[in-house]
PDB file of all heavy atoms in Angstrom:
ATOM      1  N   ALA A   1       1.161  24.289  99.117  1.00  0.00           N
ATOM      2  CA  ALA A   1       1.373  23.830  97.742  1.00  0.00           C
ATOM      3  C   ALA A   1       1.926  22.397  97.680  1.00  0.00           C
ATOM      4  O   ALA A   1       1.462  21.578  96.890  1.00  0.00           O
ATOM      5  CB  ALA A   1       2.292  24.787  96.997  1.00  0.00           C
ATOM      6  N   LYS A   2       2.875  22.100  98.544  1.00  0.00           N
ATOM      7  CA  LYS A   2       3.455  20.734  98.556  1.00  0.00           C
ATOM      8  C   LYS A   2       2.472  19.729  99.037  1.00  0.00           C
ATOM      9  O   LYS A   2       2.326  18.615  98.445  1.00  0.00           O
ATOM     10  CB  LYS A   2       4.729  20.712  99.416  1.00  0.00           C
ATOM     11  CG  LYS A   2       5.421  19.374  99.423  1.00  0.00           C
ATOM     12  CD  LYS A   2       5.958  19.016  98.036  1.00  0.00           C
ATOM     13  CE  LYS A   2       6.707  17.719  98.060  1.00  0.00           C
ATOM     14  NZ  LYS A   2       7.148  17.318  96.709  1.00  0.00           N
ATOM     15  N   GLN A   3       1.732  20.044 100.056  1.00  0.00           N
ATOM     16  CA  GLN A   3       0.706  19.107 100.563  1.00  0.00           C
ATOM     17  C   GLN A   3      -0.353  18.823  99.494  1.00  0.00           C
ATOM     18  O   GLN A   3      -0.773  17.700  99.314  1.00  0.00           O
ATOM     19  CB  GLN A   3       0.091  19.647 101.855  1.00  0.00           C
ATOM     20  CG  GLN A   3      -0.684  18.609 102.606  1.00  0.00           C
ATOM     21  CD  GLN A   3      -0.837  18.908 104.083  1.00  0.00           C
ATOM     22  OE1 GLN A   3       0.182  19.235 104.746  1.00  0.00           O
ATOM     23  NE2 GLN A   3      -2.027  18.789 104.608  1.00  0.00           N
ATOM     24  N   MET A   4      -0.769  19.887  98.802  1.00  0.00           N
ATOM     25  CA  MET A   4      -1.755  19.720  97.724  1.00  0.00           C
ATOM     26  C   MET A   4      -1.166  18.846  96.603  1.00  0.00           C
ATOM     27  O   MET A   4      -1.863  17.992  96.054  1.00  0.00           O
ATOM     28  CB  MET A   4      -2.191  21.075  97.190  1.00  0.00           C
ATOM     29  CG  MET A   4      -3.004  21.890  98.197  1.00  0.00           C
ATOM     30  SD  MET A   4      -4.478  21.057  98.755  1.00  0.00           S
ATOM     31  CE  MET A   4      -5.425  21.017  97.228  1.00  0.00           C
ATOM     32  N   GLN A   5       0.077  19.074  96.253  1.00  0.00           N
ATOM     33  CA  GLN A   5       0.722  18.251  95.213  1.00  0.00           C
ATOM     34  C   GLN A   5       0.720  16.793  95.611  1.00  0.00           C
ATOM     35  O   GLN A   5       0.436  15.910  94.784  1.00  0.00           O
ATOM     36  CB  GLN A   5       2.155  18.748  94.989  1.00  0.00           C
ATOM     37  CG  GLN A   5       2.924  17.876  93.980  1.00  0.00           C
ATOM     38  CD  GLN A   5       4.416  18.191  93.993  1.00  0.00           C
ATOM     39  OE1 GLN A   5       4.915  18.960  94.801  1.00  0.00           O
ATOM     40  NE2 GLN A   5       5.117  17.565  93.089  1.00  0.00           N
ATOM     41  N   LEU A   6       1.049  16.532  96.838  1.00  0.00           N
ATOM     42  CA  LEU A   6       1.106  15.144  97.345  1.00  0.00           C
ATOM     43  C   LEU A   6      -0.277  14.463  97.261  1.00  0.00           C
ATOM     44  O   LEU A   6      -0.352  13.240  97.021  1.00  0.00           O
ATOM     45  CB  LEU A   6       1.606  15.075  98.781  1.00  0.00           C
ATOM     46  CG  LEU A   6       3.117  15.436  98.956  1.00  0.00           C
ATOM     47  CD1 LEU A   6       3.397  15.546 100.449  1.00  0.00           C
ATOM     48  CD2 LEU A   6       4.001  14.400  98.271  1.00  0.00           C
ATOM     49  N   LEU A   7      -1.353  15.233  97.453  1.00  0.00           N
ATOM     50  CA  LEU A   7      -2.671  14.624  97.412  1.00  0.00           C
ATOM     51  C   LEU A   7      -3.286  14.670  96.013  1.00  0.00           C
ATOM     52  O   LEU A   7      -3.760  13.645  95.516  1.00  0.00           O
ATOM     53  CB  LEU A   7      -3.587  15.374  98.416  1.00  0.00           C
ATOM     54  CG  LEU A   7      -3.175  15.279  99.863  1.00  0.00           C
ATOM     55  CD1 LEU A   7      -4.145  16.070 100.723  1.00  0.00           C
ATOM     56  CD2 LEU A   7      -3.053  13.866 100.337  1.00  0.00           C
ATOM     57  N   LYS A   8      -3.245  15.810  95.398  1.00  0.00           N
ATOM     58  CA  LYS A   8      -3.850  15.951  94.029  1.00  0.00           C
ATOM     59  C   LYS A   8      -3.075  15.139  93.004  1.00  0.00           C
ATOM     60  O   LYS A   8      -3.661  14.345  92.281  1.00  0.00           O
ATOM     61  CB  LYS A   8      -3.869  17.399  93.590  1.00  0.00           C
ATOM     62  CG  LYS A   8      -4.942  18.234  94.154  1.00  0.00           C
ATOM     63  CD  LYS A   8      -4.839  19.703  93.702  1.00  0.00           C
ATOM     64  CE  LYS A   8      -4.882  19.877  92.226  1.00  0.00           C
ATOM     65  NZ  LYS A   8      -4.687  21.258  91.794  1.00  0.00           N
ATOM     66  N   GLY A   9      -1.795  15.399  92.917  1.00  0.00           N
ATOM     67  CA  GLY A   9      -0.991  14.791  91.850  1.00  0.00           C
ATOM     68  C   GLY A   9      -0.951  13.278  91.985  1.00  0.00           C
ATOM     69  O   GLY A   9      -1.163  12.540  90.999  1.00  0.00           O
ATOM     70  N   GLU A  10      -0.757  12.761  93.170  1.00  0.00           N
ATOM     71  CA  GLU A  10      -0.680  11.325  93.376  1.00  0.00           C
ATOM     72  C   GLU A  10      -2.024  10.669  93.120  1.00  0.00           C
ATOM     73  O   GLU A  10      -2.046   9.578  92.503  1.00  0.00           O
ATOM     74  CB  GLU A  10      -0.217  11.035  94.794  1.00  0.00           C
ATOM     75  CG  GLU A  10       0.238   9.594  95.007  1.00  0.00           C
ATOM     76  CD  GLU A  10      -0.947   8.606  95.153  1.00  0.00           C
ATOM     77  OE1 GLU A  10      -2.048   9.039  95.530  1.00  0.00           O
ATOM     78  OE2 GLU A  10      -0.710   7.406  94.868  1.00  0.00           O
ATOM     79  N   SER A  11      -3.121  11.334  93.443  1.00  0.00           N
ATOM     80  CA  SER A  11      -4.431  10.677  93.248  1.00  0.00           C
ATOM     81  C   SER A  11      -4.784  10.582  91.763  1.00  0.00           C
ATOM     82  O   SER A  11      -5.351   9.581  91.328  1.00  0.00           O
ATOM     83  CB  SER A  11      -5.515  11.398  94.020  1.00  0.00           C
ATOM     84  OG  SER A  11      -5.654  12.745  93.582  1.00  0.00           O
ATOM     85  N   ALA A  12      -4.438  11.586  90.976  1.00  0.00           N
ATOM     86  CA  ALA A  12      -4.671  11.531  89.523  1.00  0.00           C
ATOM     87  C   ALA A  12      -3.822  10.435  88.916  1.00  0.00           C
ATOM     88  O   ALA A  12      -4.287   9.628  88.087  1.00  0.00           O
ATOM     89  CB  ALA A  12      -4.424  12.878  88.869  1.00  0.00           C
ATOM     90  N   PHE A  13      -2.531  10.390  89.321  1.00  0.00           N
ATOM     91  CA  PHE A  13      -1.627   9.347  88.815  1.00  0.00           C
ATOM     92  C   PHE A  13      -2.202   7.962  89.125  1.00  0.00           C
ATOM     93  O   PHE A  13      -2.273   7.081  88.266  1.00  0.00           O
ATOM     94  CB  PHE A  13      -0.232   9.504  89.439  1.00  0.00           C
ATOM     95  CG  PHE A  13       0.739   8.431  89.046  1.00  0.00           C
ATOM     96  CD1 PHE A  13       1.351   8.456  87.788  1.00  0.00           C
ATOM     97  CD2 PHE A  13       0.985   7.373  89.938  1.00  0.00           C
ATOM     98  CE1 PHE A  13       2.249   7.437  87.440  1.00  0.00           C
ATOM     99  CE2 PHE A  13       1.865   6.368  89.554  1.00  0.00           C
ATOM    100  CZ  PHE A  13       2.497   6.390  88.331  1.00  0.00           C
ATOM    101  N   TRP A  14      -2.621   7.738  90.363  1.00  0.00           N
ATOM    102  CA  TRP A  14      -3.183   6.488  90.776  1.00  0.00           C
ATOM    103  C   TRP A  14      -4.419   6.096  90.000  1.00  0.00           C
ATOM    104  O   TRP A  14      -4.582   4.988  89.505  1.00  0.00           O
ATOM    105  CB  TRP A  14      -3.502   6.551  92.277  1.00  0.00           C
ATOM    106  CG  TRP A  14      -4.298   5.381  92.789  1.00  0.00           C
ATOM    107  CD1 TRP A  14      -3.836   4.135  93.121  1.00  0.00           C
ATOM    108  CD2 TRP A  14      -5.709   5.376  92.982  1.00  0.00           C
ATOM    109  NE1 TRP A  14      -4.907   3.332  93.518  1.00  0.00           N
ATOM    110  CE2 TRP A  14      -6.045   4.062  93.437  1.00  0.00           C
ATOM    111  CE3 TRP A  14      -6.720   6.295  92.798  1.00  0.00           C
ATOM    112  CZ2 TRP A  14      -7.362   3.711  93.727  1.00  0.00           C
ATOM    113  CZ3 TRP A  14      -8.015   5.928  93.077  1.00  0.00           C
ATOM    114  CH2 TRP A  14      -8.340   4.656  93.540  1.00  0.00           C
ATOM    115  N   ALA A  15      -5.357   7.064  89.854  1.00  0.00           N
ATOM    116  CA  ALA A  15      -6.614   6.806  89.141  1.00  0.00           C
ATOM    117  C   ALA A  15      -6.343   6.455  87.670  1.00  0.00           C
ATOM    118  O   ALA A  15      -6.971   5.531  87.127  1.00  0.00           O
ATOM    119  CB  ALA A  15      -7.540   8.024  89.220  1.00  0.00           C
ATOM    120  N   ASN A  16      -5.417   7.152  87.072  1.00  0.00           N
ATOM    121  CA  ASN A  16      -5.104   6.886  85.650  1.00  0.00           C
ATOM    122  C   ASN A  16      -4.356   5.582  85.470  1.00  0.00           C
ATOM    123  O   ASN A  16      -4.586   4.818  84.532  1.00  0.00           O
ATOM    124  CB  ASN A  16      -4.363   8.071  85.059  1.00  0.00           C
ATOM    125  CG  ASN A  16      -5.222   9.283  85.019  1.00  0.00           C
ATOM    126  OD1 ASN A  16      -6.459   9.199  84.876  1.00  0.00           O
ATOM    127  ND2 ASN A  16      -4.644  10.455  85.164  1.00  0.00           N
ATOM    128  N   ARG A  17      -3.446   5.278  86.363  1.00  0.00           N
ATOM    129  CA  ARG A  17      -2.691   4.003  86.303  1.00  0.00           C
ATOM    130  C   ARG A  17      -3.666   2.819  86.451  1.00  0.00           C
ATOM    131  O   ARG A  17      -3.468   1.797  85.813  1.00  0.00           O
ATOM    132  CB  ARG A  17      -1.640   3.961  87.425  1.00  0.00           C
ATOM    133  CG  ARG A  17      -0.791   2.702  87.383  1.00  0.00           C
ATOM    134  CD  ARG A  17       0.190   2.616  88.531  1.00  0.00           C
ATOM    135  NE  ARG A  17      -0.553   2.342  89.764  1.00  0.00           N
ATOM    136  CZ  ARG A  17      -0.342   2.935  90.923  1.00  0.00           C
ATOM    137  NH1 ARG A  17       0.622   3.834  91.058  1.00  0.00           N
ATOM    138  NH2 ARG A  17      -1.095   2.683  91.976  1.00  0.00           N
ATOM    139  N   ASN A  18      -4.697   3.009  87.211  1.00  0.00           N
ATOM    140  CA  ASN A  18      -5.679   1.961  87.443  1.00  0.00           C
ATOM    141  C   ASN A  18      -6.876   2.020  86.504  1.00  0.00           C
ATOM    142  O   ASN A  18      -7.838   1.203  86.654  1.00  0.00           O
ATOM    143  CB  ASN A  18      -6.170   1.965  88.909  1.00  0.00           C
ATOM    144  CG  ASN A  18      -5.044   1.453  89.820  1.00  0.00           C
ATOM    145  OD1 ASN A  18      -4.710   0.280  89.807  1.00  0.00           O
ATOM    146  ND2 ASN A  18      -4.442   2.375  90.561  1.00  0.00           N
ATOM    147  N   GLY A  19      -6.867   2.917  85.531  1.00  0.00           N
ATOM    148  CA  GLY A  19      -7.917   3.008  84.528  1.00  0.00           C
ATOM    149  C   GLY A  19      -9.315   3.243  85.089  1.00  0.00           C
ATOM    150  O   GLY A  19     -10.288   2.659  84.605  1.00  0.00           O
ATOM    151  N   LEU A  20      -9.398   4.086  86.099  1.00  0.00           N
ATOM    152  CA  LEU A  20     -10.683   4.300  86.734  1.00  0.00           C
ATOM    153  C   LEU A  20     -11.692   5.151  85.955  1.00  0.00           C
ATOM    154  O   LEU A  20     -12.865   5.136  86.214  1.00  0.00           O
ATOM    155  CB  LEU A  20     -10.483   4.938  88.119  1.00  0.00           C
ATOM    156  CG  LEU A  20      -9.692   4.095  89.126  1.00  0.00           C
ATOM    157  CD1 LEU A  20      -9.666   4.823  90.458  1.00  0.00           C
ATOM    158  CD2 LEU A  20     -10.296   2.716  89.281  1.00  0.00           C
ATOM    159  N   THR A  21     -11.179   5.909  84.981  1.00  0.00           N
ATOM    160  CA  THR A  21     -12.070   6.733  84.141  1.00  0.00           C
ATOM    161  C   THR A  21     -11.774   6.460  82.661  1.00  0.00           C
ATOM    162  O   THR A  21     -10.619   6.119  82.328  1.00  0.00           O
ATOM    163  CB  THR A  21     -11.881   8.247  84.405  1.00  0.00           C
ATOM    164  OG1 THR A  21     -10.568   8.628  84.055  1.00  0.00           O
ATOM    165  CG2 THR A  21     -12.150   8.571  85.868  1.00  0.00           C
ATOM    166  N   LYS A  22     -12.731   6.679  81.845  1.00  0.00           N
ATOM    167  CA  LYS A  22     -12.576   6.417  80.403  1.00  0.00           C
ATOM    168  C   LYS A  22     -11.531   7.314  79.792  1.00  0.00           C
ATOM    169  O   LYS A  22     -10.682   6.878  78.998  1.00  0.00           O
ATOM    170  CB  LYS A  22     -13.939   6.626  79.738  1.00  0.00           C
ATOM    171  CG  LYS A  22     -13.965   6.329  78.269  1.00  0.00           C
ATOM    172  CD  LYS A  22     -15.352   6.524  77.691  1.00  0.00           C
ATOM    173  CE  LYS A  22     -15.351   6.273  76.176  1.00  0.00           C
ATOM    174  NZ  LYS A  22     -16.680   6.441  75.627  1.00  0.00           N
ATOM    175  N   ASN A  23     -11.591   8.583  80.111  1.00  0.00           N
ATOM    176  CA  ASN A  23     -10.656   9.577  79.495  1.00  0.00           C
ATOM    177  C   ASN A  23      -9.593  10.078  80.461  1.00  0.00           C
ATOM    178  O   ASN A  23      -8.928  11.074  80.178  1.00  0.00           O
ATOM    179  CB  ASN A  23     -11.462  10.746  78.939  1.00  0.00           C
ATOM    180  CG  ASN A  23     -12.395  10.308  77.843  1.00  0.00           C
ATOM    181  OD1 ASN A  23     -12.022   9.521  76.987  1.00  0.00           O
ATOM    182  ND2 ASN A  23     -13.612  10.792  77.843  1.00  0.00           N
ATOM    183  N   GLY A  24      -9.433   9.446  81.590  1.00  0.00           N
ATOM    184  CA  GLY A  24      -8.440   9.878  82.546  1.00  0.00           C
ATOM    185  C   GLY A  24      -8.941  10.892  83.530  1.00  0.00           C
ATOM    186  O   GLY A  24      -9.895  11.602  83.228  1.00  0.00           O
ATOM    187  N   LEU A  25      -8.325  10.972  84.655  1.00  0.00           N
ATOM    188  CA  LEU A  25      -8.675  11.943  85.693  1.00  0.00           C
ATOM    189  C   LEU A  25      -7.610  13.031  85.683  1.00  0.00           C
ATOM    190  O   LEU A  25      -6.420  12.743  85.846  1.00  0.00           O
ATOM    191  CB  LEU A  25      -8.736  11.306  87.069  1.00  0.00           C
ATOM    192  CG  LEU A  25      -8.918  12.254  88.274  1.00  0.00           C
ATOM    193  CD1 LEU A  25     -10.228  13.005  88.151  1.00  0.00           C
ATOM    194  CD2 LEU A  25      -8.848  11.467  89.560  1.00  0.00           C
ATOM    195  N   GLU A  26      -8.020  14.243  85.486  1.00  0.00           N
ATOM    196  CA  GLU A  26      -7.113  15.374  85.557  1.00  0.00           C
ATOM    197  C   GLU A  26      -7.741  16.399  86.516  1.00  0.00           C
ATOM    198  O   GLU A  26      -8.931  16.683  86.417  1.00  0.00           O
ATOM    199  CB  GLU A  26      -6.944  16.094  84.226  1.00  0.00           C
ATOM    200  CG  GLU A  26      -6.050  15.347  83.246  1.00  0.00           C
ATOM    201  CD  GLU A  26      -5.806  16.194  82.016  1.00  0.00           C
ATOM    202  OE1 GLU A  26      -5.014  17.160  82.093  1.00  0.00           O
ATOM    203  OE2 GLU A  26      -6.405  15.874  80.992  1.00  0.00           O
ATOM    204  N   TRP A  27      -6.906  16.899  87.432  1.00  0.00           N
ATOM    205  CA  TRP A  27      -7.362  17.974  88.322  1.00  0.00           C
ATOM    206  C   TRP A  27      -7.051  19.294  87.729  1.00  0.00           C
ATOM    207  O   TRP A  27      -6.027  19.474  87.013  1.00  0.00           O
ATOM    208  CB  TRP A  27      -6.644  17.830  89.691  1.00  0.00           C
ATOM    209  CG  TRP A  27      -6.936  16.598  90.421  1.00  0.00           C
ATOM    210  CD1 TRP A  27      -5.998  15.669  90.837  1.00  0.00           C
ATOM    211  CD2 TRP A  27      -8.174  16.111  90.929  1.00  0.00           C
ATOM    212  NE1 TRP A  27      -6.588  14.658  91.528  1.00  0.00           N
ATOM    213  CE2 TRP A  27      -7.939  14.915  91.624  1.00  0.00           C
ATOM    214  CE3 TRP A  27      -9.493  16.580  90.853  1.00  0.00           C
ATOM    215  CZ2 TRP A  27      -8.961  14.167  92.225  1.00  0.00           C
ATOM    216  CZ3 TRP A  27     -10.505  15.864  91.466  1.00  0.00           C
ATOM    217  CH2 TRP A  27     -10.251  14.675  92.137  1.00  0.00           C
ATOM    218  N   ALA A  28      -7.846  20.298  88.049  1.00  0.00           N
ATOM    219  CA  ALA A  28      -7.540  21.675  87.622  1.00  0.00           C
ATOM    220  C   ALA A  28      -6.249  22.106  88.312  1.00  0.00           C
ATOM    221  O   ALA A  28      -5.878  21.579  89.379  1.00  0.00           O
ATOM    222  CB  ALA A  28      -8.699  22.610  88.044  1.00  0.00           C
ATOM    223  N   ASP A  29      -5.536  23.060  87.729  1.00  0.00           N
ATOM    224  CA  ASP A  29      -4.288  23.539  88.306  1.00  0.00           C
ATOM    225  C   ASP A  29      -4.515  24.259  89.624  1.00  0.00           C
ATOM    226  O   ASP A  29      -3.715  24.164  90.535  1.00  0.00           O
ATOM    227  CB  ASP A  29      -3.580  24.493  87.333  1.00  0.00           C
ATOM    228  CG  ASP A  29      -3.072  23.741  86.095  1.00  0.00           C
ATOM    229  OD1 ASP A  29      -2.842  22.549  86.172  1.00  0.00           O
ATOM    230  OD2 ASP A  29      -2.959  24.406  85.066  1.00  0.00           O
ATOM    231  N   LYS A  30      -5.599  24.983  89.731  1.00  0.00           N
ATOM    232  CA  LYS A  30      -5.877  25.799  90.928  1.00  0.00           C
ATOM    233  C   LYS A  30      -6.539  24.992  91.997  1.00  0.00           C
ATOM    234  O   LYS A  30      -7.144  23.961  91.759  1.00  0.00           O
ATOM    235  CB  LYS A  30      -6.750  26.994  90.569  1.00  0.00           C
ATOM    236  CG  LYS A  30      -6.080  27.967  89.621  1.00  0.00           C
ATOM    237  CD  LYS A  30      -6.995  29.120  89.303  1.00  0.00           C
ATOM    238  CE  LYS A  30      -6.353  30.113  88.368  1.00  0.00           C
ATOM    239  NZ  LYS A  30      -7.255  31.268  88.107  1.00  0.00           N
ATOM    240  N   TYR A  31      -6.462  25.500  93.207  1.00  0.00           N
ATOM    241  CA  TYR A  31      -7.178  24.947  94.350  1.00  0.00           C
ATOM    242  C   TYR A  31      -7.478  26.118  95.300  1.00  0.00           C
ATOM    243  O   TYR A  31      -6.946  27.196  95.153  1.00  0.00           O
ATOM    244  CB  TYR A  31      -6.356  23.882  95.082  1.00  0.00           C
ATOM    245  CG  TYR A  31      -5.032  24.308  95.545  1.00  0.00           C
ATOM    246  CD1 TYR A  31      -4.854  24.940  96.804  1.00  0.00           C
ATOM    247  CD2 TYR A  31      -3.888  24.161  94.781  1.00  0.00           C
ATOM    248  CE1 TYR A  31      -3.657  25.371  97.244  1.00  0.00           C
ATOM    249  CE2 TYR A  31      -2.658  24.589  95.192  1.00  0.00           C
ATOM    250  CZ  TYR A  31      -2.536  25.193  96.441  1.00  0.00           C
ATOM    251  OH  TYR A  31      -1.333  25.623  96.876  1.00  0.00           O
ATOM    252  N   PHE A  32      -8.345  25.862  96.286  1.00  0.00           N
ATOM    253  CA  PHE A  32      -8.700  26.872  97.265  1.00  0.00           C
ATOM    254  C   PHE A  32      -8.375  26.306  98.639  1.00  0.00           C
ATOM    255  O   PHE A  32      -8.743  25.174  98.914  1.00  0.00           O
ATOM    256  CB  PHE A  32     -10.195  27.227  97.155  1.00  0.00           C
ATOM    257  CG  PHE A  32     -10.649  28.155  98.251  1.00  0.00           C
ATOM    258  CD1 PHE A  32     -10.464  29.545  98.077  1.00  0.00           C
ATOM    259  CD2 PHE A  32     -11.236  27.722  99.368  1.00  0.00           C
ATOM    260  CE1 PHE A  32     -10.858  30.421  99.055  1.00  0.00           C
ATOM    261  CE2 PHE A  32     -11.687  28.599 100.359  1.00  0.00           C
ATOM    262  CZ  PHE A  32     -11.480  29.946 100.217  1.00  0.00           C
ATOM    263  N   ALA A  33      -7.690  27.094  99.444  1.00  0.00           N
ATOM    264  CA  ALA A  33      -7.368  26.688 100.814  1.00  0.00           C
ATOM    265  C   ALA A  33      -7.674  27.825 101.753  1.00  0.00           C
ATOM    266  O   ALA A  33      -7.438  29.018 101.435  1.00  0.00           O
ATOM    267  CB  ALA A  33      -5.891  26.302 100.904  1.00  0.00           C
ATOM    268  N   ALA A  34      -8.208  27.477 102.893  1.00  0.00           N
ATOM    269  CA  ALA A  34      -8.516  28.478 103.934  1.00  0.00           C
ATOM    270  C   ALA A  34      -8.360  27.864 105.286  1.00  0.00           C
ATOM    271  O   ALA A  34      -8.567  26.640 105.436  1.00  0.00           O
ATOM    272  CB  ALA A  34      -9.941  29.005 103.743  1.00  0.00           C
ATOM    273  N   SER A  35      -8.002  28.658 106.272  1.00  0.00           N
ATOM    274  CA  SER A  35      -7.957  28.137 107.614  1.00  0.00           C
ATOM    275  C   SER A  35      -9.342  28.180 108.214  1.00  0.00           C
ATOM    276  O   SER A  35     -10.215  28.941 107.782  1.00  0.00           O
ATOM    277  CB  SER A  35      -6.968  28.957 108.461  1.00  0.00           C
ATOM    278  OG  SER A  35      -7.359  30.308 108.511  1.00  0.00           O
ATOM    279  N   VAL A  36      -9.562  27.362 109.228  1.00  0.00           N
ATOM    280  CA  VAL A  36     -10.876  27.289 109.885  1.00  0.00           C
ATOM    281  C   VAL A  36     -10.639  27.397 111.381  1.00  0.00           C
ATOM    282  O   VAL A  36      -9.816  26.699 111.954  1.00  0.00           O
ATOM    283  CB  VAL A  36     -11.565  25.938 109.570  1.00  0.00           C
ATOM    284  CG1 VAL A  36     -12.890  25.855 110.275  1.00  0.00           C
ATOM    285  CG2 VAL A  36     -11.718  25.698 108.077  1.00  0.00           C
ATOM    286  N   SER A  37     -11.375  28.297 112.012  1.00  0.00           N
ATOM    287  CA  SER A  37     -11.253  28.471 113.482  1.00  0.00           C
ATOM    288  C   SER A  37     -11.953  27.292 114.150  1.00  0.00           C
ATOM    289  O   SER A  37     -12.870  26.659 113.607  1.00  0.00           O
ATOM    290  CB  SER A  37     -11.846  29.791 113.932  1.00  0.00           C
ATOM    291  OG  SER A  37     -13.238  29.820 113.644  1.00  0.00           O
ATOM    292  N   ASN A  38     -11.496  26.994 115.363  1.00  0.00           N
ATOM    293  CA  ASN A  38     -12.008  25.822 116.107  1.00  0.00           C
ATOM    294  C   ASN A  38     -13.533  25.874 116.259  1.00  0.00           C
ATOM    295  O   ASN A  38     -14.185  24.832 116.211  1.00  0.00           O
ATOM    296  CB  ASN A  38     -11.356  25.714 117.456  1.00  0.00           C
ATOM    297  CG  ASN A  38      -9.936  25.178 117.377  1.00  0.00           C
ATOM    298  OD1 ASN A  38      -9.558  24.538 116.381  1.00  0.00           O
ATOM    299  ND2 ASN A  38      -9.140  25.436 118.406  1.00  0.00           N
ATOM    300  N   ASP A  39     -14.082  27.054 116.438  1.00  0.00           N
ATOM    301  CA  ASP A  39     -15.531  27.142 116.659  1.00  0.00           C
ATOM    302  C   ASP A  39     -16.332  26.965 115.387  1.00  0.00           C
ATOM    303  O   ASP A  39     -17.573  26.871 115.442  1.00  0.00           O
ATOM    304  CB  ASP A  39     -15.892  28.438 117.353  1.00  0.00           C
ATOM    305  CG  ASP A  39     -15.579  29.686 116.543  1.00  0.00           C
ATOM    306  OD1 ASP A  39     -14.628  29.673 115.748  1.00  0.00           O
ATOM    307  OD2 ASP A  39     -16.325  30.701 116.709  1.00  0.00           O
ATOM    308  N   LYS A  40     -15.695  26.852 114.232  1.00  0.00           N
ATOM    309  CA  LYS A  40     -16.400  26.625 112.967  1.00  0.00           C
ATOM    310  C   LYS A  40     -16.160  25.251 112.362  1.00  0.00           C
ATOM    311  O   LYS A  40     -16.707  24.905 111.322  1.00  0.00           O
ATOM    312  CB  LYS A  40     -15.958  27.678 111.922  1.00  0.00           C
ATOM    313  CG  LYS A  40     -16.186  29.119 112.347  1.00  0.00           C
ATOM    314  CD  LYS A  40     -17.661  29.439 112.495  1.00  0.00           C
ATOM    315  CE  LYS A  40     -17.811  30.925 112.794  1.00  0.00           C
ATOM    316  NZ  LYS A  40     -18.997  31.218 113.612  1.00  0.00           N
ATOM    317  N   ILE A  41     -15.329  24.445 112.988  1.00  0.00           N
ATOM    318  CA  ILE A  41     -14.987  23.133 112.437  1.00  0.00           C
ATOM    319  C   ILE A  41     -16.197  22.251 112.234  1.00  0.00           C
ATOM    320  O   ILE A  41     -16.324  21.612 111.217  1.00  0.00           O
ATOM    321  CB  ILE A  41     -13.908  22.442 113.301  1.00  0.00           C
ATOM    322  CG1 ILE A  41     -12.571  23.135 113.085  1.00  0.00           C
ATOM    323  CG2 ILE A  41     -13.772  20.949 112.941  1.00  0.00           C
ATOM    324  CD1 ILE A  41     -11.420  22.591 113.893  1.00  0.00           C
TER     325      ILE A  41
END
């Protein structure tokens, strides 16, 4: 959750501060995370 916050939250803040989209960038609240075994990377 913290790692996602650091990536998702900061990227939306950055995009909006820099006016990259007309109506702003907002991420959905949810995300999906899964582990991956070495043989599937």
